[in-house]
N, C-alpha and C. Protein backbone atom coordinates (compact mmCIF):
# COMPACT_ATOMS: atom_id res chain seq x y z
N MET A 1 61.83 7.25 -26.86
CA MET A 1 61.84 5.77 -26.72
C MET A 1 63.20 5.38 -27.31
N ARG A 2 63.68 4.15 -26.70
CA ARG A 2 64.97 3.59 -27.17
C ARG A 2 64.89 3.09 -28.66
N LEU A 3 65.70 3.27 -29.56
CA LEU A 3 65.79 2.74 -30.77
C LEU A 3 65.85 1.27 -31.00
N ALA A 4 66.13 0.46 -29.80
CA ALA A 4 66.07 -0.80 -29.72
C ALA A 4 64.74 -1.39 -29.21
N ALA A 5 63.51 -0.50 -29.04
CA ALA A 5 62.38 -0.97 -28.18
C ALA A 5 61.67 -2.24 -28.98
N ALA A 6 61.28 -3.03 -28.02
CA ALA A 6 60.38 -4.40 -28.76
C ALA A 6 59.19 -3.82 -29.13
N LEU A 7 59.08 -3.73 -30.48
CA LEU A 7 57.96 -3.32 -31.05
C LEU A 7 57.34 -4.55 -32.04
N TYR A 8 56.14 -4.70 -32.12
CA TYR A 8 55.34 -5.89 -32.85
C TYR A 8 54.21 -5.34 -33.49
N HIS A 9 53.85 -6.27 -34.43
CA HIS A 9 52.70 -6.04 -35.08
C HIS A 9 51.37 -6.61 -34.43
N PRO A 10 50.41 -6.20 -34.70
CA PRO A 10 49.10 -6.81 -34.01
C PRO A 10 48.96 -8.17 -34.25
N PRO A 11 48.31 -8.94 -33.36
CA PRO A 11 48.45 -10.42 -33.56
C PRO A 11 47.31 -10.73 -34.66
N THR A 12 47.50 -11.95 -35.56
CA THR A 12 46.51 -12.30 -36.41
C THR A 12 45.35 -12.88 -35.90
N PRO A 13 44.10 -12.72 -36.31
CA PRO A 13 42.91 -13.45 -35.62
C PRO A 13 43.17 -14.95 -35.63
N PRO A 14 42.80 -15.49 -34.48
CA PRO A 14 42.98 -16.82 -34.44
C PRO A 14 42.02 -17.70 -35.47
N LEU A 15 42.38 -18.83 -35.89
CA LEU A 15 41.61 -19.70 -36.86
C LEU A 15 40.42 -20.16 -35.93
N SER A 16 39.33 -20.33 -36.80
CA SER A 16 38.07 -21.04 -36.02
C SER A 16 38.28 -22.33 -35.49
N GLY A 17 38.08 -22.51 -34.35
CA GLY A 17 38.39 -23.72 -33.59
C GLY A 17 39.57 -24.02 -32.97
N GLN A 18 40.49 -22.94 -33.36
CA GLN A 18 41.88 -23.22 -32.61
C GLN A 18 41.87 -23.07 -31.29
N ARG A 19 42.81 -23.94 -30.62
CA ARG A 19 42.72 -23.95 -29.23
C ARG A 19 43.97 -23.36 -28.66
N GLY A 20 44.01 -23.22 -27.50
CA GLY A 20 45.32 -22.69 -26.90
C GLY A 20 45.02 -21.29 -26.42
N ARG A 21 46.27 -20.65 -25.92
CA ARG A 21 46.19 -19.27 -25.37
C ARG A 21 46.11 -18.32 -26.85
N LYS A 22 45.49 -17.43 -26.67
CA LYS A 22 45.65 -16.41 -27.85
C LYS A 22 46.66 -15.44 -27.69
N PRO A 23 47.50 -15.45 -28.85
CA PRO A 23 48.73 -14.48 -28.81
C PRO A 23 48.22 -13.11 -28.78
N THR A 24 49.05 -12.36 -27.84
CA THR A 24 49.04 -10.86 -27.59
C THR A 24 49.64 -9.99 -28.60
N THR A 25 50.73 -10.59 -29.41
CA THR A 25 51.31 -9.84 -30.19
C THR A 25 51.69 -10.76 -31.41
N GLY A 26 51.97 -9.88 -32.56
CA GLY A 26 52.16 -10.72 -33.83
C GLY A 26 53.70 -10.74 -34.20
N THR A 27 54.29 -10.62 -35.53
CA THR A 27 55.42 -10.67 -35.67
C THR A 27 56.17 -9.26 -35.39
N ARG A 28 57.51 -9.25 -35.39
CA ARG A 28 58.26 -8.26 -35.05
C ARG A 28 58.60 -7.44 -36.42
N PRO A 29 58.42 -6.08 -36.39
CA PRO A 29 58.65 -5.39 -37.82
C PRO A 29 60.28 -4.94 -37.53
N ARG A 30 60.61 -4.11 -38.59
CA ARG A 30 62.05 -3.78 -38.50
C ARG A 30 62.18 -2.85 -37.24
N SER A 31 63.39 -2.89 -36.53
CA SER A 31 63.29 -2.22 -35.41
C SER A 31 63.53 -0.70 -35.75
N LEU A 32 63.62 0.29 -34.94
CA LEU A 32 63.72 1.76 -35.13
C LEU A 32 65.28 1.83 -35.69
N LYS A 33 66.11 1.21 -34.89
CA LYS A 33 67.51 1.37 -35.50
C LYS A 33 67.73 0.97 -36.82
N ILE A 34 67.05 0.08 -37.34
CA ILE A 34 67.21 -0.53 -38.69
C ILE A 34 66.54 0.49 -39.61
N TRP A 35 65.47 1.03 -39.33
CA TRP A 35 64.71 2.01 -40.14
C TRP A 35 65.58 3.27 -40.41
N ALA A 36 66.14 3.69 -39.20
CA ALA A 36 67.21 4.76 -39.23
C ALA A 36 68.39 4.44 -40.06
N ALA A 37 68.77 3.28 -40.11
CA ALA A 37 70.02 2.99 -40.93
C ALA A 37 69.76 2.87 -42.43
N ARG A 38 68.42 2.53 -42.74
CA ARG A 38 68.50 2.01 -44.23
C ARG A 38 68.11 3.37 -45.12
N ALA A 39 68.58 3.20 -46.17
CA ALA A 39 68.66 4.27 -47.19
C ALA A 39 67.24 4.64 -48.02
N ASP A 40 66.24 3.55 -47.88
CA ASP A 40 65.12 3.76 -48.52
C ASP A 40 63.99 4.14 -47.61
N THR A 41 64.30 4.41 -46.45
CA THR A 41 63.09 4.85 -45.48
C THR A 41 62.40 6.01 -45.84
N PRO A 42 61.15 6.04 -45.91
CA PRO A 42 60.37 7.21 -46.33
C PRO A 42 60.21 8.52 -45.66
N TRP A 43 61.29 9.24 -45.53
CA TRP A 43 61.30 10.31 -44.54
C TRP A 43 60.39 11.38 -45.06
N GLN A 44 59.69 11.98 -44.29
CA GLN A 44 59.00 13.20 -44.74
C GLN A 44 59.63 14.54 -43.94
N GLU A 45 59.93 15.33 -44.87
CA GLU A 45 60.65 16.84 -44.16
C GLU A 45 59.43 17.49 -43.60
N THR A 46 59.41 18.04 -42.50
CA THR A 46 58.31 18.96 -42.20
C THR A 46 59.08 19.87 -41.11
N THR A 47 58.47 21.09 -40.65
CA THR A 47 58.81 22.05 -39.82
C THR A 47 57.94 21.57 -38.41
N LEU A 48 58.92 21.53 -37.64
CA LEU A 48 58.10 21.09 -36.29
C LEU A 48 58.55 22.32 -35.25
N ASP A 49 57.52 22.41 -34.08
CA ASP A 49 57.79 23.14 -32.94
C ASP A 49 59.12 22.81 -32.16
N TRP A 50 59.88 23.73 -31.84
CA TRP A 50 61.27 23.45 -31.23
C TRP A 50 61.34 24.33 -29.84
N TYR A 51 62.42 24.06 -29.16
CA TYR A 51 62.50 24.74 -27.97
C TYR A 51 62.81 26.21 -28.15
N ARG A 52 62.60 27.05 -27.12
CA ARG A 52 62.62 28.73 -27.27
C ARG A 52 61.81 29.03 -28.25
N GLY A 53 60.62 28.28 -28.44
CA GLY A 53 59.70 28.96 -29.43
C GLY A 53 60.17 28.99 -30.97
N GLU A 54 61.19 28.29 -31.20
CA GLU A 54 61.71 28.27 -32.55
C GLU A 54 60.92 27.10 -33.28
N ARG A 55 61.14 27.06 -34.67
CA ARG A 55 60.59 26.27 -35.39
C ARG A 55 61.82 25.49 -36.44
N LYS A 56 61.82 24.12 -36.47
CA LYS A 56 62.89 23.48 -36.82
C LYS A 56 62.52 22.38 -38.15
N ARG A 57 63.30 22.62 -39.13
CA ARG A 57 63.03 21.49 -40.22
C ARG A 57 63.76 20.26 -40.07
N LEU A 58 62.86 19.21 -39.78
CA LEU A 58 63.32 17.87 -39.50
C LEU A 58 62.69 16.74 -40.36
N GLY A 59 63.44 15.78 -40.50
CA GLY A 59 62.68 14.43 -41.18
C GLY A 59 61.97 13.65 -40.41
N VAL A 60 60.81 13.23 -40.69
CA VAL A 60 59.99 12.38 -39.88
C VAL A 60 59.39 11.12 -40.39
N PHE A 61 59.59 10.11 -39.65
CA PHE A 61 59.06 8.64 -40.31
C PHE A 61 58.21 8.13 -39.14
N SER A 62 56.93 7.93 -39.32
CA SER A 62 56.04 7.72 -38.49
C SER A 62 55.16 6.28 -38.69
N ARG A 63 55.12 5.35 -37.74
CA ARG A 63 54.28 4.21 -37.95
C ARG A 63 53.41 3.79 -36.61
N THR A 64 52.68 2.86 -36.87
CA THR A 64 51.80 2.20 -35.59
C THR A 64 52.48 0.98 -35.24
N ALA A 65 52.40 0.71 -34.07
CA ALA A 65 52.89 -0.93 -33.45
C ALA A 65 52.42 -0.92 -31.98
N LEU A 66 52.59 -2.25 -31.70
CA LEU A 66 52.52 -2.72 -30.24
C LEU A 66 53.84 -2.54 -29.55
N TRP A 67 53.86 -1.91 -28.47
CA TRP A 67 55.13 -1.92 -27.58
C TRP A 67 54.97 -2.85 -26.52
N TYR A 68 55.94 -3.77 -26.27
CA TYR A 68 55.76 -4.84 -25.40
C TYR A 68 56.90 -4.85 -24.50
N THR A 69 56.38 -4.90 -23.09
CA THR A 69 57.30 -5.19 -22.14
C THR A 69 56.95 -6.33 -21.34
N PRO A 70 58.12 -7.16 -20.98
CA PRO A 70 57.57 -8.54 -20.30
C PRO A 70 56.95 -8.24 -19.15
N GLY A 71 55.96 -9.07 -18.90
CA GLY A 71 55.01 -8.95 -17.75
C GLY A 71 53.85 -7.93 -17.73
N LEU A 72 53.70 -7.22 -18.95
CA LEU A 72 52.82 -6.28 -18.94
C LEU A 72 51.92 -6.32 -20.24
N ALA A 73 50.96 -5.97 -20.30
CA ALA A 73 50.06 -6.13 -21.66
C ALA A 73 50.77 -5.13 -22.69
N PRO A 74 50.65 -5.84 -23.92
CA PRO A 74 51.15 -4.58 -25.04
C PRO A 74 50.30 -3.35 -25.04
N VAL A 75 51.08 -2.20 -25.56
CA VAL A 75 50.20 -1.14 -25.67
C VAL A 75 50.42 -0.67 -27.19
N ALA A 76 49.41 -0.34 -27.78
CA ALA A 76 49.27 0.23 -29.22
C ALA A 76 49.76 1.73 -29.04
N ILE A 77 50.85 1.89 -29.91
CA ILE A 77 51.35 3.42 -29.86
C ILE A 77 51.56 3.69 -31.27
N ARG A 78 51.69 4.97 -31.54
CA ARG A 78 52.30 5.65 -32.64
C ARG A 78 53.66 6.21 -32.31
N PHE A 79 54.74 5.84 -33.11
CA PHE A 79 55.97 6.18 -32.85
C PHE A 79 56.30 7.22 -34.08
N GLY A 80 57.22 8.05 -33.78
CA GLY A 80 57.90 8.97 -34.79
C GLY A 80 59.33 9.12 -34.52
N LEU A 81 59.91 8.54 -35.58
CA LEU A 81 61.37 8.68 -35.66
C LEU A 81 61.69 9.97 -36.29
N VAL A 82 62.72 10.83 -35.70
CA VAL A 82 63.02 12.12 -36.20
C VAL A 82 64.54 12.21 -36.40
N ARG A 83 64.82 12.86 -37.58
CA ARG A 83 66.12 13.00 -37.92
C ARG A 83 66.34 14.72 -38.39
N ASP A 84 67.45 14.94 -38.07
CA ASP A 84 68.11 16.40 -38.32
C ASP A 84 68.61 16.28 -39.67
N PRO A 85 68.08 16.84 -41.00
CA PRO A 85 68.75 16.90 -42.01
C PRO A 85 70.14 17.40 -41.97
N GLN A 86 70.45 18.29 -41.08
CA GLN A 86 71.87 18.91 -41.14
C GLN A 86 72.86 17.98 -40.39
N GLY A 87 72.24 16.88 -39.60
CA GLY A 87 73.13 15.91 -39.08
C GLY A 87 73.61 16.51 -37.75
N LYS A 88 73.32 17.71 -37.22
CA LYS A 88 73.58 18.14 -35.94
C LYS A 88 73.26 17.51 -34.67
N LEU A 89 72.10 16.85 -34.91
CA LEU A 89 71.42 16.25 -33.82
C LEU A 89 71.40 14.60 -34.11
N SER A 90 71.39 13.66 -33.15
CA SER A 90 71.29 12.43 -33.29
C SER A 90 69.59 11.99 -33.52
N ASP A 91 69.49 10.77 -34.31
CA ASP A 91 68.23 10.24 -34.52
C ASP A 91 67.65 10.06 -33.28
N ALA A 92 66.41 10.45 -33.09
CA ALA A 92 65.56 10.11 -31.75
C ALA A 92 64.19 9.57 -32.24
N ALA A 93 63.61 8.99 -31.14
CA ALA A 93 62.23 8.47 -31.30
C ALA A 93 61.28 8.65 -30.36
N PHE A 94 60.20 9.09 -30.74
CA PHE A 94 59.09 9.45 -29.75
C PHE A 94 57.80 8.76 -29.95
N PHE A 95 56.98 8.69 -28.83
CA PHE A 95 55.81 7.89 -29.11
C PHE A 95 54.59 8.47 -28.24
N CYS A 96 53.31 8.06 -28.74
CA CYS A 96 52.33 8.42 -28.07
C CYS A 96 51.11 7.33 -28.25
N THR A 97 50.16 7.17 -27.05
CA THR A 97 49.38 6.29 -27.17
C THR A 97 48.12 6.77 -27.99
N ASP A 98 48.05 7.73 -28.49
CA ASP A 98 47.08 8.28 -29.48
C ASP A 98 47.36 8.01 -30.88
N LEU A 99 46.70 6.81 -31.32
CA LEU A 99 47.07 6.39 -32.55
C LEU A 99 46.70 7.38 -33.68
N HIS A 100 45.92 8.43 -33.69
CA HIS A 100 45.51 9.30 -34.60
C HIS A 100 46.32 10.66 -34.53
N ALA A 101 47.30 10.77 -33.71
CA ALA A 101 48.11 11.95 -33.57
C ALA A 101 49.13 12.04 -34.49
N THR A 102 49.53 13.03 -35.05
CA THR A 102 50.46 13.19 -36.08
C THR A 102 51.97 13.55 -35.45
N PRO A 103 52.99 13.20 -36.20
CA PRO A 103 54.26 13.34 -35.67
C PRO A 103 54.57 14.90 -35.16
N GLU A 104 53.86 15.95 -35.85
CA GLU A 104 53.98 17.32 -35.50
C GLU A 104 53.42 17.31 -34.25
N GLN A 105 52.35 16.68 -33.80
CA GLN A 105 51.47 16.90 -32.48
C GLN A 105 52.29 16.26 -31.50
N ILE A 106 52.89 15.09 -31.85
CA ILE A 106 53.75 14.39 -30.76
C ILE A 106 54.99 15.28 -30.32
N ARG A 107 55.67 15.74 -31.41
CA ARG A 107 56.74 16.54 -31.00
C ARG A 107 56.45 17.77 -30.28
N HIS A 108 55.31 18.30 -30.70
CA HIS A 108 54.95 19.51 -29.86
C HIS A 108 54.82 19.24 -28.33
N TRP A 109 54.05 18.11 -28.10
CA TRP A 109 53.87 17.64 -26.87
C TRP A 109 55.03 17.53 -26.01
N VAL A 110 56.20 16.93 -26.85
CA VAL A 110 57.46 16.68 -26.03
C VAL A 110 57.94 17.99 -25.75
N VAL A 111 57.88 19.00 -26.65
CA VAL A 111 58.56 20.16 -26.29
C VAL A 111 57.90 20.70 -25.17
N ARG A 112 56.65 20.69 -25.03
CA ARG A 112 56.07 21.40 -24.00
C ARG A 112 56.25 20.76 -22.65
N ARG A 113 56.46 19.29 -22.72
CA ARG A 113 57.02 18.73 -21.71
C ARG A 113 58.29 19.00 -21.15
N GLY A 114 59.12 19.30 -22.12
CA GLY A 114 60.41 19.94 -21.57
C GLY A 114 60.54 21.19 -20.74
N SER A 115 59.78 22.13 -21.02
CA SER A 115 59.47 23.43 -20.17
C SER A 115 58.98 23.11 -18.88
N VAL A 116 58.12 22.10 -18.74
CA VAL A 116 57.79 21.52 -17.42
C VAL A 116 58.63 20.98 -16.56
N GLU A 117 59.60 20.11 -17.17
CA GLU A 117 60.68 19.30 -16.41
C GLU A 117 61.72 20.64 -15.99
N VAL A 118 61.87 21.78 -16.86
CA VAL A 118 63.00 22.55 -16.46
C VAL A 118 62.34 23.40 -15.31
N THR A 119 60.82 23.62 -15.32
CA THR A 119 60.61 24.26 -14.08
C THR A 119 60.48 23.51 -12.83
N PHE A 120 60.42 22.14 -12.92
CA PHE A 120 60.55 21.48 -11.55
C PHE A 120 61.93 21.43 -11.23
N GLU A 121 62.85 21.40 -12.15
CA GLU A 121 64.31 21.29 -11.89
C GLU A 121 64.62 22.58 -11.00
N GLU A 122 64.29 23.76 -11.81
CA GLU A 122 64.70 25.01 -11.14
C GLU A 122 64.11 25.16 -9.78
N THR A 123 62.86 24.75 -9.55
CA THR A 123 62.15 24.74 -8.44
C THR A 123 62.75 23.81 -7.21
N ARG A 124 63.40 22.88 -7.43
CA ARG A 124 64.29 22.14 -6.59
C ARG A 124 65.59 22.91 -6.31
N ALA A 125 66.25 23.60 -7.35
CA ALA A 125 67.58 23.99 -7.28
C ALA A 125 67.44 25.31 -6.51
N HIS A 126 66.53 26.11 -6.61
CA HIS A 126 66.54 27.64 -6.30
C HIS A 126 65.52 27.95 -5.12
N LEU A 127 64.39 26.83 -4.99
CA LEU A 127 63.41 27.26 -4.14
C LEU A 127 63.48 26.12 -2.89
N GLY A 128 64.30 24.84 -3.21
CA GLY A 128 64.47 23.82 -2.18
C GLY A 128 63.14 23.09 -2.05
N VAL A 129 62.15 22.95 -3.20
CA VAL A 129 61.13 22.13 -3.08
C VAL A 129 61.48 20.75 -3.24
N GLU A 130 61.15 19.99 -2.45
CA GLU A 130 61.62 18.41 -2.55
C GLU A 130 60.38 17.69 -2.89
N THR A 131 60.57 16.18 -3.13
CA THR A 131 59.50 15.34 -3.50
C THR A 131 58.68 15.18 -2.26
N GLN A 132 57.39 15.34 -2.49
CA GLN A 132 56.41 15.30 -1.49
C GLN A 132 56.09 13.80 -0.89
N ARG A 133 55.86 13.72 0.42
CA ARG A 133 55.82 12.55 1.13
C ARG A 133 54.46 12.27 1.73
N GLN A 134 53.37 12.77 1.02
CA GLN A 134 51.95 12.47 1.64
C GLN A 134 51.74 10.93 1.17
N TRP A 135 50.67 10.59 1.76
CA TRP A 135 50.17 9.15 1.51
C TRP A 135 49.14 9.05 0.41
N ALA A 136 48.18 10.05 0.38
CA ALA A 136 47.27 10.14 -0.58
C ALA A 136 47.81 10.73 -1.81
N ASP A 137 47.20 10.02 -2.94
CA ASP A 137 47.77 10.51 -4.19
C ASP A 137 47.09 11.92 -4.64
N LYS A 138 45.81 12.33 -4.03
CA LYS A 138 45.41 13.63 -4.44
C LYS A 138 46.24 14.75 -3.54
N ALA A 139 46.63 14.27 -2.49
CA ALA A 139 47.66 15.36 -1.91
C ALA A 139 49.07 15.57 -2.40
N LEU A 140 49.50 14.37 -3.10
CA LEU A 140 50.69 14.44 -3.89
C LEU A 140 50.46 15.18 -5.15
N ALA A 141 49.45 15.12 -5.77
CA ALA A 141 49.17 15.96 -7.00
C ALA A 141 48.93 17.35 -6.81
N ARG A 142 48.41 17.59 -5.65
CA ARG A 142 47.96 19.08 -5.47
C ARG A 142 49.29 20.09 -4.64
N THR A 143 50.08 19.30 -3.70
CA THR A 143 50.82 20.12 -3.00
C THR A 143 51.95 20.84 -3.62
N THR A 144 52.58 20.31 -4.62
CA THR A 144 53.57 20.98 -5.49
C THR A 144 52.93 22.21 -6.00
N PRO A 145 51.84 22.03 -6.91
CA PRO A 145 51.27 23.17 -7.77
C PRO A 145 50.75 24.39 -6.56
N VAL A 146 50.44 23.96 -5.45
CA VAL A 146 49.93 24.98 -4.42
C VAL A 146 51.25 25.76 -3.97
N LEU A 147 52.19 24.98 -3.75
CA LEU A 147 53.55 25.62 -3.46
C LEU A 147 54.31 26.73 -4.39
N LEU A 148 53.97 26.26 -5.81
CA LEU A 148 54.24 27.06 -6.70
C LEU A 148 53.25 28.46 -6.81
N GLY A 149 52.01 28.04 -6.54
CA GLY A 149 51.04 29.12 -6.48
C GLY A 149 51.19 30.31 -5.53
N LEU A 150 51.61 29.61 -4.43
CA LEU A 150 52.03 30.59 -3.24
C LEU A 150 53.34 31.41 -3.28
N PHE A 151 54.37 30.61 -4.00
CA PHE A 151 55.30 31.37 -4.45
C PHE A 151 55.17 32.46 -5.26
N SER A 152 54.34 32.22 -6.33
CA SER A 152 54.07 33.49 -7.29
C SER A 152 53.33 34.64 -6.52
N LEU A 153 52.37 34.00 -5.58
CA LEU A 153 51.42 35.13 -5.14
C LEU A 153 52.39 36.10 -4.10
N VAL A 154 53.33 35.34 -3.39
CA VAL A 154 54.14 36.09 -2.54
C VAL A 154 55.14 37.14 -3.23
N THR A 155 55.45 36.47 -4.32
CA THR A 155 56.31 37.45 -5.29
C THR A 155 55.74 38.50 -5.68
N VAL A 156 54.48 38.39 -6.35
CA VAL A 156 53.70 39.60 -6.66
C VAL A 156 53.43 40.66 -5.48
N TRP A 157 53.00 40.07 -4.32
CA TRP A 157 52.65 40.88 -3.06
C TRP A 157 54.04 41.80 -2.84
N VAL A 158 55.13 41.06 -2.79
CA VAL A 158 56.32 41.79 -2.42
C VAL A 158 56.69 42.84 -3.54
N LEU A 159 56.45 42.74 -4.72
CA LEU A 159 56.72 43.60 -5.89
C LEU A 159 55.56 44.90 -5.67
N ARG A 160 54.58 44.60 -5.06
CA ARG A 160 53.63 45.60 -4.85
C ARG A 160 53.92 46.41 -3.76
N LEU A 161 54.53 45.70 -2.79
CA LEU A 161 54.96 46.56 -1.52
C LEU A 161 56.29 47.13 -1.79
N CYS A 162 57.02 46.78 -2.63
CA CYS A 162 58.50 47.33 -3.04
C CYS A 162 58.55 47.66 -4.55
N PRO A 163 57.84 48.49 -4.97
CA PRO A 163 57.55 48.73 -6.47
C PRO A 163 59.28 49.12 -6.99
N GLU A 164 60.16 49.37 -6.07
CA GLU A 164 61.32 49.95 -6.69
C GLU A 164 62.39 48.66 -6.57
N GLY A 165 61.87 47.55 -5.91
CA GLY A 165 62.65 46.24 -5.67
C GLY A 165 63.64 46.31 -4.54
N ARG A 166 63.60 47.29 -3.82
CA ARG A 166 64.58 47.32 -2.45
C ARG A 166 63.92 46.48 -1.61
N ILE A 167 64.06 45.30 -1.47
CA ILE A 167 63.32 44.31 -0.53
C ILE A 167 64.44 44.39 0.66
N PRO A 168 63.96 44.55 2.05
CA PRO A 168 64.84 44.52 3.16
C PRO A 168 65.35 43.20 3.49
N VAL A 169 66.64 43.19 3.65
CA VAL A 169 67.31 41.75 3.90
C VAL A 169 67.74 41.72 5.42
N GLU A 170 67.15 40.44 5.95
CA GLU A 170 67.34 40.36 7.27
C GLU A 170 68.74 39.56 7.38
N GLY A 171 69.64 39.96 8.17
CA GLY A 171 70.88 39.35 8.17
C GLY A 171 71.30 39.28 9.87
N SER A 172 72.48 38.58 9.93
CA SER A 172 72.99 38.41 11.41
C SER A 172 74.42 38.60 11.28
N ALA A 173 74.88 38.63 12.68
CA ALA A 173 76.33 38.99 12.86
C ALA A 173 77.15 37.96 12.11
N TRP A 174 76.89 36.68 11.96
CA TRP A 174 77.68 35.60 11.44
C TRP A 174 77.30 35.30 9.99
N TYR A 175 76.18 35.79 9.33
CA TYR A 175 75.63 35.31 8.25
C TYR A 175 75.04 36.78 7.50
N ARG A 176 75.88 37.12 6.48
CA ARG A 176 75.37 38.37 5.67
C ARG A 176 74.83 37.82 4.17
N LYS A 177 73.80 38.32 3.91
CA LYS A 177 73.33 37.98 2.46
C LYS A 177 73.58 39.19 1.50
N PRO A 178 74.00 38.87 0.35
CA PRO A 178 74.00 40.12 -0.66
C PRO A 178 72.88 40.57 -1.15
N GLU A 179 71.79 39.56 -1.21
CA GLU A 179 70.53 39.90 -1.76
C GLU A 179 69.47 39.18 -0.93
N ALA A 180 68.32 39.79 -1.20
CA ALA A 180 67.11 39.18 -0.53
C ALA A 180 66.75 37.69 -0.97
N THR A 181 66.21 37.00 -0.21
CA THR A 181 65.95 35.59 -0.55
C THR A 181 64.53 35.47 -0.29
N PHE A 182 63.85 34.34 -0.47
CA PHE A 182 62.49 34.07 -0.39
C PHE A 182 62.10 34.29 1.11
N ALA A 183 63.05 33.78 1.98
CA ALA A 183 62.62 33.96 3.65
C ALA A 183 62.37 35.37 3.79
N ASP A 184 63.22 36.41 3.08
CA ASP A 184 63.00 37.89 3.43
C ASP A 184 61.52 38.42 3.01
N CYS A 185 61.10 37.73 1.74
CA CYS A 185 59.94 38.10 1.30
C CYS A 185 58.80 37.59 2.18
N LEU A 186 58.94 36.30 2.52
CA LEU A 186 57.93 36.00 3.60
C LEU A 186 57.70 36.67 4.91
N ALA A 187 58.91 37.23 5.16
CA ALA A 187 59.00 37.97 6.27
C ALA A 187 58.52 39.46 6.25
N MET A 188 58.43 39.87 5.05
CA MET A 188 57.88 41.25 4.63
C MET A 188 56.29 40.93 4.39
N VAL A 189 55.91 40.08 3.74
CA VAL A 189 54.47 39.92 3.60
C VAL A 189 53.56 39.43 4.81
N ARG A 190 54.35 38.73 5.87
CA ARG A 190 53.69 38.30 6.86
C ARG A 190 52.93 39.23 7.61
N PRO A 191 53.45 40.45 8.19
CA PRO A 191 52.48 41.57 8.75
C PRO A 191 51.43 41.78 7.79
N ALA A 192 51.49 42.01 6.62
CA ALA A 192 50.26 42.32 5.61
C ALA A 192 49.36 41.26 5.85
N ILE A 193 49.77 39.94 5.89
CA ILE A 193 48.84 38.89 6.00
C ILE A 193 47.99 38.80 7.28
N LEU A 194 48.65 39.31 8.18
CA LEU A 194 48.16 39.22 9.63
C LEU A 194 47.16 40.47 9.78
N ILE A 195 47.62 41.67 9.14
CA ILE A 195 46.47 42.74 9.03
C ILE A 195 45.20 42.34 8.13
N LEU A 196 45.51 41.66 7.15
CA LEU A 196 44.37 41.20 6.17
C LEU A 196 43.59 40.32 6.97
N GLU A 197 44.21 39.44 7.66
CA GLU A 197 43.49 38.16 8.33
C GLU A 197 42.63 38.93 9.59
N SER A 198 43.07 39.99 10.15
CA SER A 198 42.22 40.75 11.24
C SER A 198 40.91 41.41 10.54
N LEU A 199 41.30 42.06 9.40
CA LEU A 199 40.27 42.72 8.75
C LEU A 199 39.02 41.73 8.33
N ILE A 200 39.62 40.73 7.91
CA ILE A 200 38.58 39.45 7.54
C ILE A 200 37.73 39.14 8.64
N PHE A 201 38.31 38.79 9.79
CA PHE A 201 37.77 38.37 11.08
C PHE A 201 36.40 39.52 11.60
N GLN A 202 37.22 40.59 11.51
CA GLN A 202 36.32 41.98 11.82
C GLN A 202 35.02 41.79 11.00
N ARG A 203 35.18 41.57 9.79
CA ARG A 203 33.95 41.91 8.92
C ARG A 203 33.04 40.64 9.19
N VAL A 204 33.58 39.57 9.40
CA VAL A 204 32.69 38.19 9.49
C VAL A 204 32.17 38.58 10.84
N ALA A 205 32.89 38.91 12.02
CA ALA A 205 32.13 39.05 13.27
C ALA A 205 31.21 40.03 13.20
N HIS A 206 31.14 41.12 12.41
CA HIS A 206 30.18 42.23 12.29
C HIS A 206 29.02 41.65 11.65
N ARG A 207 29.06 40.86 10.75
CA ARG A 207 27.98 40.19 9.85
C ARG A 207 27.29 39.23 10.95
N LEU A 208 28.06 38.67 11.77
CA LEU A 208 27.23 37.72 12.68
C LEU A 208 26.53 38.49 13.71
N GLU A 209 27.06 39.46 14.24
CA GLU A 209 26.35 40.35 15.05
C GLU A 209 25.11 40.81 14.53
N VAL A 210 25.18 41.24 13.19
CA VAL A 210 23.90 41.86 12.41
C VAL A 210 22.90 40.86 12.36
């Protein structure tokens, strides 16, 4: 989250008999930018999960607050301000809607999310997977995982058919490929799929006759 995010204290309970609209937020505490600049900020040094399976020593400052965006209801969050004691990384803030989560847990979830983002970025770059355009939310949620599952299945199947890794490359007179692509893998497993499909239908037909 931004260091200038609009954070608030919870609203104070209304007085007995008080009229008017009840406030949704209280007063504004110090911003994260101010907390990061103050010399008396109570940093706690801890070792957190980092990228590439490493562990990194960082300073953490954590509090709870209400995060308010105009037009939307305030959201109770726990934020964690993270600082690198060596000064190699800029101060950063992360948040979570689980108020009981520790800064270590929040940072661990952020690191795990990073690997997911890299997976989808490489899927777009190398496999040509684009944003799905179905109408139903369930279709949007399941199409990309199914594509990734099929890609893994085809890859394993090709390695079983070619244990030495020599995959036949289909070329043409005007386009020559230096190595096999996923289209070559599909062309290789397609006959095996047709054979498997015919065997399945034969067994089903035999059972129906019996």
